[in-house]
C-alpha atoms as a PDB file:
ATOM      1  CA  UNK A   1      39.805 -53.503  -1.283  1.00  0.00           C
ATOM      2  CA  UNK A   2      37.143 -53.267  -3.972  1.00  0.00           C
ATOM      3  CA  UNK A   3      37.384 -51.091  -7.097  1.00  0.00           C
ATOM      4  CA  UNK A   4      35.347 -47.891  -6.822  1.00  0.00           C
ATOM      5  CA  UNK A   5      31.761 -48.659  -7.789  1.00  0.00           C
ATOM      6  CA  UNK A   6      29.577 -46.877 -10.304  1.00  0.00           C
ATOM      7  CA  UNK A   7      28.284 -43.547  -9.010  1.00  0.00           C
ATOM      8  CA  UNK A   8      24.709 -43.899  -7.790  1.00  0.00           C
ATOM      9  CA  UNK A   9      25.065 -47.656  -7.267  1.00  0.00           C
ATOM     10  CA  UNK A  10      27.896 -47.802  -4.749  1.00  0.00           C
ATOM     11  CA  UNK A  11      27.679 -49.889  -1.587  1.00  0.00           C
ATOM     12  CA  UNK A  12      29.500 -49.826   1.739  1.00  0.00           C
ATOM     13  CA  UNK A  13      32.457 -51.800   0.330  1.00  0.00           C
ATOM     14  CA  UNK A  14      33.028 -49.925  -2.935  1.00  0.00           C
ATOM     15  CA  UNK A  15      32.781 -46.213  -2.165  1.00  0.00           C
ATOM     16  CA  UNK A  16      29.474 -45.305  -0.513  1.00  0.00           C
ATOM     17  CA  UNK A  17      29.322 -43.121   2.618  1.00  0.00           C
ATOM     18  CA  UNK A  18      26.061 -43.702   4.476  1.00  0.00           C
ATOM     19  CA  UNK A  19      25.448 -41.728   7.686  1.00  0.00           C
ATOM     20  CA  UNK A  20      29.162 -41.036   8.215  1.00  0.00           C
ATOM     21  CA  UNK A  21      29.498 -38.998  11.423  1.00  0.00           C
ATOM     22  CA  UNK A  22      32.460 -37.035  12.734  1.00  0.00           C
ATOM     23  CA  UNK A  23      33.942 -33.647  13.550  1.00  0.00           C
ATOM     24  CA  UNK A  24      35.031 -31.125  10.924  1.00  0.00           C
ATOM     25  CA  UNK A  25      38.648 -30.302  11.761  1.00  0.00           C
ATOM     26  CA  UNK A  26      39.629 -28.374   8.631  1.00  0.00           C
ATOM     27  CA  UNK A  27      37.715 -26.329   6.035  1.00  0.00           C
ATOM     28  CA  UNK A  28      38.916 -25.082   2.645  1.00  0.00           C
ATOM     29  CA  UNK A  29      37.197 -23.397  -0.295  1.00  0.00           C
ATOM     30  CA  UNK A  30      36.540 -26.755  -1.946  1.00  0.00           C
ATOM     31  CA  UNK A  31      35.659 -28.990   0.979  1.00  0.00           C
ATOM     32  CA  UNK A  32      36.526 -30.103   4.491  1.00  0.00           C
ATOM     33  CA  UNK A  33      38.278 -32.814   6.494  1.00  0.00           C
ATOM     34  CA  UNK A  34      36.125 -35.054   8.705  1.00  0.00           C
ATOM     35  CA  UNK A  35      37.644 -36.801  11.726  1.00  0.00           C
ATOM     36  CA  UNK A  36      35.649 -39.931  12.520  1.00  0.00           C
ATOM     37  CA  UNK A  37      35.420 -41.278  16.063  1.00  0.00           C
ATOM     38  CA  UNK A  38      38.415 -42.729  17.878  1.00  0.00           C
ATOM     39  CA  UNK A  39      39.889 -44.471  14.828  1.00  0.00           C
ATOM     40  CA  UNK A  40      41.696 -41.242  13.990  1.00  0.00           C
ATOM     41  CA  UNK A  41      40.607 -41.497  10.356  1.00  0.00           C
ATOM     42  CA  UNK A  42      40.631 -38.159   8.543  1.00  0.00           C
ATOM     43  CA  UNK A  43      38.413 -38.156   5.479  1.00  0.00           C
ATOM     44  CA  UNK A  44      38.887 -35.255   3.015  1.00  0.00           C
ATOM     45  CA  UNK A  45      35.498 -34.532   1.407  1.00  0.00           C
ATOM     46  CA  UNK A  46      35.033 -32.253  -1.583  1.00  0.00           C
ATOM     47  CA  UNK A  47      31.853 -30.228  -2.188  1.00  0.00           C
ATOM     48  CA  UNK A  48      30.345 -28.365  -5.120  1.00  0.00           C
ATOM     49  CA  UNK A  49      27.182 -26.485  -6.008  1.00  0.00           C
ATOM     50  CA  UNK A  50      25.103 -29.669  -5.772  1.00  0.00           C
ATOM     51  CA  UNK A  51      26.077 -30.361  -2.147  1.00  0.00           C
ATOM     52  CA  UNK A  52      23.232 -29.789   0.303  1.00  0.00           C
ATOM     53  CA  UNK A  53      24.426 -27.875   3.371  1.00  0.00           C
ATOM     54  CA  UNK A  54      22.307 -27.164   6.469  1.00  0.00           C
ATOM     55  CA  UNK A  55      19.901 -24.257   5.947  1.00  0.00           C
ATOM     56  CA  UNK A  56      21.628 -20.933   6.494  1.00  0.00           C
ATOM     57  CA  UNK A  57      25.050 -22.537   7.036  1.00  0.00           C
ATOM     58  CA  UNK A  58      28.092 -21.674   4.931  1.00  0.00           C
ATOM     59  CA  UNK A  59      30.928 -24.107   4.343  1.00  0.00           C
ATOM     60  CA  UNK A  60      33.233 -22.062   6.612  1.00  0.00           C
ATOM     61  CA  UNK A  61      30.692 -22.358   9.445  1.00  0.00           C
ATOM     62  CA  UNK A  62      31.279 -26.124   9.637  1.00  0.00           C
ATOM     63  CA  UNK A  63      34.681 -25.697  11.284  1.00  0.00           C
ATOM     64  CA  UNK A  64      34.623 -27.566  14.597  1.00  0.00           C
ATOM     65  CA  UNK A  65      31.069 -28.853  14.129  1.00  0.00           C
ATOM     66  CA  UNK A  66      29.887 -32.443  14.491  1.00  0.00           C
ATOM     67  CA  UNK A  67      28.186 -33.392  11.240  1.00  0.00           C
ATOM     68  CA  UNK A  68      26.734 -36.362   9.392  1.00  0.00           C
ATOM     69  CA  UNK A  69      27.599 -37.034   5.747  1.00  0.00           C
ATOM     70  CA  UNK A  70      25.876 -38.791   2.880  1.00  0.00           C
ATOM     71  CA  UNK A  71      28.236 -39.168  -0.053  1.00  0.00           C
ATOM     72  CA  UNK A  72      30.220 -41.335  -2.414  1.00  0.00           C
ATOM     73  CA  UNK A  73      33.649 -41.869  -3.947  1.00  0.00           C
ATOM     74  CA  UNK A  74      34.262 -40.401  -7.389  1.00  0.00           C
ATOM     75  CA  UNK A  75      35.983 -42.415 -10.096  1.00  0.00           C
ATOM     76  CA  UNK A  76      39.235 -40.515  -9.463  1.00  0.00           C
ATOM     77  CA  UNK A  77      39.218 -41.609  -5.805  1.00  0.00           C
ATOM     78  CA  UNK A  78      38.130 -38.306  -4.251  1.00  0.00           C
ATOM     79  CA  UNK A  79      35.398 -38.345  -1.613  1.00  0.00           C
ATOM     80  CA  UNK A  80      32.325 -36.242  -2.370  1.00  0.00           C
ATOM     81  CA  UNK A  81      29.760 -34.991   0.164  1.00  0.00           C
ATOM     82  CA  UNK A  82      26.253 -34.969  -1.296  1.00  0.00           C
ATOM     83  CA  UNK A  83      24.506 -33.900   1.913  1.00  0.00           C
ATOM     84  CA  UNK A  84      25.800 -32.466   5.183  1.00  0.00           C
ATOM     85  CA  UNK A  85      23.672 -32.447   8.334  1.00  0.00           C
ATOM     86  CA  UNK A  86      24.808 -30.437  11.358  1.00  0.00           C
ATOM     87  CA  UNK A  87      24.430 -32.416  14.604  1.00  0.00           C
ATOM     88  CA  UNK A  88      26.232 -30.324  17.220  1.00  0.00           C
ATOM     89  CA  UNK A  89      28.396 -27.272  17.846  1.00  0.00           C
ATOM     90  CA  UNK A  90      32.057 -26.881  18.739  1.00  0.00           C
ATOM     91  CA  UNK A  91      31.513 -27.979  22.348  1.00  0.00           C
ATOM     92  CA  UNK A  92      29.327 -30.939  21.418  1.00  0.00           C
ATOM     93  CA  UNK A  93      30.086 -34.628  21.788  1.00  0.00           C
ATOM     94  CA  UNK A  94      28.814 -37.579  19.778  1.00  0.00           C
ATOM     95  CA  UNK A  95      28.716 -41.039  21.320  1.00  0.00           C
ATOM     96  CA  UNK A  96      27.358 -44.161  19.663  1.00  0.00           C
ATOM     97  CA  UNK A  97      26.739 -47.593  21.078  1.00  0.00           C
ATOM     98  CA  UNK A  98      24.132 -50.024  22.378  1.00  0.00           C
ATOM     99  CA  UNK A  99      21.414 -49.572  24.972  1.00  0.00           C
ATOM    100  CA  UNK A 100      21.972 -52.090  27.763  1.00  0.00           C
ATOM    101  CA  UNK A 101      19.196 -51.042  30.184  1.00  0.00           C
ATOM    102  CA  UNK A 102      16.025 -48.964  29.893  1.00  0.00           C
ATOM    103  CA  UNK A 103      14.748 -47.584  33.197  1.00  0.00           C
ATOM    104  CA  UNK A 104      17.945 -47.624  35.246  1.00  0.00           C
ATOM    105  CA  UNK A 105      17.394 -47.254  39.016  1.00  0.00           C
ATOM    106  CA  UNK A 106      13.657 -47.701  38.290  1.00  0.00           C
ATOM    107  CA  UNK A 107      13.616 -44.281  36.568  1.00  0.00           C
ATOM    108  CA  UNK A 108      11.996 -44.621  33.144  1.00  0.00           C
ATOM    109  CA  UNK A 109      13.949 -41.703  31.646  1.00  0.00           C
ATOM    110  CA  UNK A 110      17.378 -43.124  32.547  1.00  0.00           C
ATOM    111  CA  UNK A 111      19.178 -45.396  30.084  1.00  0.00           C
ATOM    112  CA  UNK A 112      22.382 -47.354  30.423  1.00  0.00           C
ATOM    113  CA  UNK A 113      24.422 -47.190  27.273  1.00  0.00           C
ATOM    114  CA  UNK A 114      27.616 -49.060  26.275  1.00  0.00           C
ATOM    115  CA  UNK A 115      29.821 -46.677  24.278  1.00  0.00           C
ATOM    116  CA  UNK A 116      31.386 -48.182  21.153  1.00  0.00           C
ATOM    117  CA  UNK A 117      32.733 -45.009  19.534  1.00  0.00           C
ATOM    118  CA  UNK A 118      32.520 -41.258  19.839  1.00  0.00           C
ATOM    119  CA  UNK A 119      34.183 -37.904  19.414  1.00  0.00           C
ATOM    120  CA  UNK A 120      34.063 -34.445  20.911  1.00  0.00           C
ATOM    121  CA  UNK A 121      34.297 -32.757  24.289  1.00  0.00           C
ATOM    122  CA  UNK A 122      35.134 -35.149  27.120  1.00  0.00           C
ATOM    123  CA  UNK A 123      35.257 -38.346  25.043  1.00  0.00           C
ATOM    124  CA  UNK A 124      38.459 -40.342  24.539  1.00  0.00           C
ATOM    125  CA  UNK A 125      39.491 -43.816  23.408  1.00  0.00           C
ATOM    126  CA  UNK A 126      39.743 -44.873  27.075  1.00  0.00           C
ATOM    127  CA  UNK A 127      35.958 -44.579  27.324  1.00  0.00           C
ATOM    128  CA  UNK A 128      35.168 -47.076  24.555  1.00  0.00           C
ATOM    129  CA  UNK A 129      33.430 -50.019  26.189  1.00  0.00           C
ATOM    130  CA  UNK A 130      32.363 -48.026  29.253  1.00  0.00           C
ATOM    131  CA  UNK A 131      28.767 -47.805  30.403  1.00  0.00           C
ATOM    132  CA  UNK A 132      27.197 -44.360  30.614  1.00  0.00           C
ATOM    133  CA  UNK A 133      23.911 -43.175  32.045  1.00  0.00           C
ATOM    134  CA  UNK A 134      21.788 -41.119  29.643  1.00  0.00           C
ATOM    135  CA  UNK A 135      19.028 -38.862  30.983  1.00  0.00           C
ATOM    136  CA  UNK A 136      16.342 -38.285  28.323  1.00  0.00           C
ATOM    137  CA  UNK A 137      13.828 -36.642  30.677  1.00  0.00           C
ATOM    138  CA  UNK A 138      14.162 -33.230  29.002  1.00  0.00           C
ATOM    139  CA  UNK A 139      14.537 -34.478  25.425  1.00  0.00           C
ATOM    140  CA  UNK A 140      11.590 -33.351  23.265  1.00  0.00           C
ATOM    141  CA  UNK A 141       9.921 -35.697  20.802  1.00  0.00           C
ATOM    142  CA  UNK A 142      11.330 -33.724  17.862  1.00  0.00           C
ATOM    143  CA  UNK A 143      14.868 -34.575  19.024  1.00  0.00           C
ATOM    144  CA  UNK A 144      14.413 -38.292  18.302  1.00  0.00           C
ATOM    145  CA  UNK A 145      15.466 -39.224  14.765  1.00  0.00           C
ATOM    146  CA  UNK A 146      16.205 -42.355  12.745  1.00  0.00           C
ATOM    147  CA  UNK A 147      19.196 -42.533  10.413  1.00  0.00           C
ATOM    148  CA  UNK A 148      17.658 -44.465   7.521  1.00  0.00           C
ATOM    149  CA  UNK A 149      20.487 -43.807   5.080  1.00  0.00           C
ATOM    150  CA  UNK A 150      19.617 -45.718   1.900  1.00  0.00           C
ATOM    151  CA  UNK A 151      17.132 -47.988   3.657  1.00  0.00           C
ATOM    152  CA  UNK A 152      13.914 -48.173   1.612  1.00  0.00           C
ATOM    153  CA  UNK A 153      11.048 -47.091   3.913  1.00  0.00           C
ATOM    154  CA  UNK A 154       8.516 -46.396   1.152  1.00  0.00           C
ATOM    155  CA  UNK A 155       5.007 -47.806   1.313  1.00  0.00           C
ATOM    156  CA  UNK A 156       5.250 -49.306   4.796  1.00  0.00           C
ATOM    157  CA  UNK A 157       1.971 -49.508   6.698  1.00  0.00           C
ATOM    158  CA  UNK A 158       1.359 -47.534   9.921  1.00  0.00           C
ATOM    159  CA  UNK A 159       4.911 -46.239  10.427  1.00  0.00           C
ATOM    160  CA  UNK A 160       4.103 -44.504  13.724  1.00  0.00           C
ATOM    161  CA  UNK A 161       2.837 -47.804  15.157  1.00  0.00           C
ATOM    162  CA  UNK A 162       5.138 -50.324  13.489  1.00  0.00           C
ATOM    163  CA  UNK A 163       8.373 -48.286  13.322  1.00  0.00           C
ATOM    164  CA  UNK A 164       8.401 -45.863  16.288  1.00  0.00           C
ATOM    165  CA  UNK A 165      11.437 -44.248  17.864  1.00  0.00           C
ATOM    166  CA  UNK A 166      10.728 -42.015  20.853  1.00  0.00           C
ATOM    167  CA  UNK A 167      11.114 -41.925  24.632  1.00  0.00           C
ATOM    168  CA  UNK A 168       8.464 -44.610  25.142  1.00  0.00           C
ATOM    169  CA  UNK A 169       9.752 -47.018  22.484  1.00  0.00           C
ATOM    170  CA  UNK A 170      13.284 -47.847  23.557  1.00  0.00           C
ATOM    171  CA  UNK A 171      14.643 -51.323  24.231  1.00  0.00           C
ATOM    172  CA  UNK A 172      17.925 -52.847  25.365  1.00  0.00           C
ATOM    173  CA  UNK A 173      19.894 -54.015  22.322  1.00  0.00           C
ATOM    174  CA  UNK A 174      19.065 -51.075  20.066  1.00  0.00           C
ATOM    175  CA  UNK A 175      22.010 -49.182  18.598  1.00  0.00           C
ATOM    176  CA  UNK A 176      21.727 -45.434  19.068  1.00  0.00           C
ATOM    177  CA  UNK A 177      23.759 -42.265  18.751  1.00  0.00           C
ATOM    178  CA  UNK A 178      23.683 -39.527  21.403  1.00  0.00           C
ATOM    179  CA  UNK A 179      24.552 -35.879  20.739  1.00  0.00           C
ATOM    180  CA  UNK A 180      25.217 -33.662  23.751  1.00  0.00           C
ATOM    181  CA  UNK A 181      26.328 -30.045  24.094  1.00  0.00           C
ATOM    182  CA  UNK A 182      27.350 -30.507  27.740  1.00  0.00           C
ATOM    183  CA  UNK A 183      30.257 -32.885  27.144  1.00  0.00           C
ATOM    184  CA  UNK A 184      30.735 -36.445  28.358  1.00  0.00           C
ATOM    185  CA  UNK A 185      31.573 -37.350  31.948  1.00  0.00           C
ATOM    186  CA  UNK A 186      31.434 -40.944  33.166  1.00  0.00           C
ATOM    187  CA  UNK A 187      30.590 -39.765  36.686  1.00  0.00           C
ATOM    188  CA  UNK A 188      27.283 -38.136  35.743  1.00  0.00           C
ATOM    189  CA  UNK A 189      24.440 -38.823  33.285  1.00  0.00           C
ATOM    190  CA  UNK A 190      24.757 -37.579  29.722  1.00  0.00           C
ATOM    191  CA  UNK A 191      22.066 -35.019  28.921  1.00  0.00           C
ATOM    192  CA  UNK A 192      21.510 -35.253  25.150  1.00  0.00           C
ATOM    193  CA  UNK A 193      20.120 -32.724  22.695  1.00  0.00           C
ATOM    194  CA  UNK A 194      19.467 -35.506  20.159  1.00  0.00           C
ATOM    195  CA  UNK A 195      18.997 -39.272  20.169  1.00  0.00           C
ATOM    196  CA  UNK A 196      19.353 -41.017  16.821  1.00  0.00           C
ATOM    197  CA  UNK A 197      18.482 -44.622  16.005  1.00  0.00           C
ATOM    198  CA  UNK A 198      21.286 -46.241  14.012  1.00  0.00           C
ATOM    199  CA  UNK A 199      21.246 -49.147  11.599  1.00  0.00           C
ATOM    200  CA  UNK A 200      22.655 -52.354  13.062  1.00  0.00           C
ATOM    201  CA  UNK A 201      23.291 -55.940  12.016  1.00  0.00           C
ATOM    202  CA  UNK A 202      21.780 -59.077  13.545  1.00  0.00           C
ATOM    203  CA  UNK A 203      22.094 -62.745  12.622  1.00  0.00           C
ATOM    204  CA  UNK A 204      19.610 -65.574  12.966  1.00  0.00           C
ATOM    205  CA  UNK A 205      17.480 -68.227  11.307  1.00  0.00           C
ATOM    206  CA  UNK A 206      14.569 -67.401   8.987  1.00  0.00           C
ATOM    207  CA  UNK A 207      11.102 -68.566  10.024  1.00  0.00           C
ATOM    208  CA  UNK A 208       7.537 -67.805   8.861  1.00  0.00           C
ATOM    209  CA  UNK A 209       8.663 -66.436   5.493  1.00  0.00           C
ATOM    210  CA  UNK A 210       5.870 -64.731   3.500  1.00  0.00           C
ATOM    211  CA  UNK A 211       6.254 -63.249   0.014  1.00  0.00           C
ATOM    212  CA  UNK A 212       4.407 -59.928  -0.323  1.00  0.00           C
ATOM    213  CA  UNK A 213       3.251 -57.953  -3.383  1.00  0.00           C
ATOM    214  CA  UNK A 214       5.725 -55.711  -5.202  1.00  0.00           C
ATOM    215  CA  UNK A 215       8.841 -57.694  -4.409  1.00  0.00           C
ATOM    216  CA  UNK A 216       8.657 -57.298  -0.629  1.00  0.00           C
ATOM    217  CA  UNK A 217       8.534 -60.040   2.000  1.00  0.00           C
ATOM    218  CA  UNK A 218       8.333 -60.587   5.738  1.00  0.00           C
ATOM    219  CA  UNK A 219       9.790 -63.178   8.067  1.00  0.00           C
ATOM    220  CA  UNK A 220      10.817 -63.749  11.664  1.00  0.00           C
ATOM    221  CA  UNK A 221      14.525 -63.923  12.406  1.00  0.00           C
ATOM    222  CA  UNK A 222      15.058 -66.367  15.269  1.00  0.00           C
ATOM    223  CA  UNK A 223      17.979 -65.225  17.423  1.00  0.00           C
ATOM    224  CA  UNK A 224      20.676 -67.714  18.491  1.00  0.00           C
ATOM    225  CA  UNK A 225      21.271 -68.298  22.191  1.00  0.00           C
ATOM    226  CA  UNK A 226      24.477 -66.228  22.204  1.00  0.00           C
ATOM    227  CA  UNK A 227      23.036 -63.255  20.283  1.00  0.00           C
ATOM    228  CA  UNK A 228      23.878 -59.952  21.982  1.00  0.00           C
ATOM    229  CA  UNK A 229      20.367 -58.760  21.153  1.00  0.00           C
ATOM    230  CA  UNK A 230      18.738 -61.779  22.828  1.00  0.00           C
ATOM    231  CA  UNK A 231      20.966 -61.516  25.885  1.00  0.00           C
ATOM    232  CA  UNK A 232      20.261 -57.811  26.384  1.00  0.00           C
ATOM    233  CA  UNK A 233      16.587 -57.643  25.450  1.00  0.00           C
ATOM    234  CA  UNK A 234      15.413 -61.144  26.455  1.00  0.00           C
ATOM    235  CA  UNK A 235      13.528 -61.235  23.129  1.00  0.00           C
ATOM    236  CA  UNK A 236      13.856 -64.375  21.003  1.00  0.00           C
ATOM    237  CA  UNK A 237      13.098 -63.037  17.505  1.00  0.00           C
ATOM    238  CA  UNK A 238      12.932 -59.984  15.245  1.00  0.00           C
ATOM    239  CA  UNK A 239      10.192 -59.438  12.679  1.00  0.00           C
ATOM    240  CA  UNK A 240      11.905 -58.387   9.417  1.00  0.00           C
ATOM    241  CA  UNK A 241      10.396 -56.682   6.391  1.00  0.00           C
ATOM    242  CA  UNK A 242      12.260 -56.584   3.093  1.00  0.00           C
ATOM    243  CA  UNK A 243      11.635 -53.919   0.487  1.00  0.00           C
ATOM    244  CA  UNK A 244      12.047 -53.763  -3.310  1.00  0.00           C
ATOM    245  CA  UNK A 245      15.357 -51.905  -2.805  1.00  0.00           C
ATOM    246  CA  UNK A 246      16.746 -54.273  -0.158  1.00  0.00           C
ATOM    247  CA  UNK A 247      20.278 -55.339  -1.125  1.00  0.00           C
ATOM    248  CA  UNK A 248      20.372 -59.143  -0.905  1.00  0.00           C
ATOM    249  CA  UNK A 249      24.053 -59.597  -1.801  1.00  0.00           C
ATOM    250  CA  UNK A 250      23.174 -63.040  -3.182  1.00  0.00           C
ATOM    251  CA  UNK A 251      21.719 -64.273   0.118  1.00  0.00           C
ATOM    252  CA  UNK A 252      19.159 -67.081  -0.021  1.00  0.00           C
ATOM    253  CA  UNK A 253      16.202 -66.026   2.141  1.00  0.00           C
ATOM    254  CA  UNK A 254      13.855 -68.892   2.959  1.00  0.00           C
ATOM    255  CA  UNK A 255      12.689 -70.803   5.997  1.00  0.00           C
ATOM    256  CA  UNK A 256      15.682 -72.353   7.727  1.00  0.00           C
ATOM    257  CA  UNK A 257      18.250 -70.030   6.120  1.00  0.00           C
ATOM    258  CA  UNK A 258      20.880 -68.559   8.439  1.00  0.00           C
ATOM    259  CA  UNK A 259      21.402 -64.926   7.409  1.00  0.00           C
ATOM    260  CA  UNK A 260      22.649 -61.560   8.605  1.00  0.00           C
ATOM    261  CA  UNK A 261      20.299 -58.588   8.279  1.00  0.00           C
ATOM    262  CA  UNK A 262      21.229 -54.913   8.563  1.00  0.00           C
ATOM    263  CA  UNK A 263      18.793 -52.041   9.036  1.00  0.00           C
ATOM    264  CA  UNK A 264      17.091 -49.844  11.648  1.00  0.00           C
ATOM    265  CA  UNK A 265      15.696 -51.874  14.572  1.00  0.00           C
ATOM    266  CA  UNK A 266      12.437 -50.597  16.094  1.00  0.00           C
ATOM    267  CA  UNK A 267      10.700 -51.591  19.333  1.00  0.00           C
ATOM    268  CA  UNK A 268       6.911 -51.404  19.111  1.00  0.00           C
ATOM    269  CA  UNK A 269       6.327 -52.091  22.791  1.00  0.00           C
ATOM    270  CA  UNK A 270       5.651 -55.784  22.157  1.00  0.00           C
ATOM    271  CA  UNK A 271       8.166 -56.850  19.488  1.00  0.00           C
ATOM    272  CA  UNK A 272      11.217 -55.851  17.455  1.00  0.00           C
ATOM    273  CA  UNK A 273      10.602 -54.792  13.844  1.00  0.00           C
ATOM    274  CA  UNK A 274      13.455 -54.289  11.390  1.00  0.00           C
ATOM    275  CA  UNK A 275      13.409 -52.981   7.819  1.00  0.00           C
ATOM    276  CA  UNK A 276      16.157 -54.738   5.854  1.00  0.00           C
ATOM    277  CA  UNK A 277      18.688 -52.442   4.216  1.00  0.00           C
ATOM    278  CA  UNK A 278      21.054 -55.313   3.396  1.00  0.00           C
ATOM    279  CA  UNK A 279      20.985 -59.104   3.770  1.00  0.00           C
ATOM    280  CA  UNK A 280      24.053 -61.353   3.589  1.00  0.00           C
ATOM    281  CA  UNK A 281      24.511 -65.091   4.060  1.00  0.00           C
END
């Protein structure tokens, strides 16, 4: 356990809550309790006048909803919700995991998806590790979103081309989150109302390192033979861009370095691109 970090500079190990998703199971005048996935964790968040709630939604309306939280831990140990995003209603389910196949049964709109956590109607701990079919044929383009969290995406060139996430830019190995209002049933495809690209971590060896203006850089991360991403996607490398706000955690990034990079992973149609949120040795 780390001491609580300084507000505004907290990280994942000292108090920050980045893209925390769960179901609101209790609401009071000063906050709410969030149940997260199948761990059973119940996180009591406080709110105040600076908390951003969904447009037109009162605190009491969050009861039973699936939401996503950005927040931090105050110096007294209480959890504070800075921003609340509503993902689904009382009958909704949230499932997160890794795409294992794109174009199942030779149908481009069918995905196979290995569930790693979830909550809501029809989902239980017995379904962690199971493969589900996901039918995105009726999912509009506006329902695809990327959970950047604190990842610095400023100043990146041609985002629509280099960092796409839509029905035509999906690849096995990407970590996604599915929101559905029709519940989860292993015997039939999930029909989502949202698909959200999640940050994920990959390890490999740095190659082709290039320092860029403004404190940024780019390099290729060569995937080891046993990498889950290589095994699922058949790709051998990921092109990584670092930003001025990338958290290096003391990692030495240079050709030949073996590192672990966390951030959103995009498929351009020809290669993986990742923007580094955090790099560790």
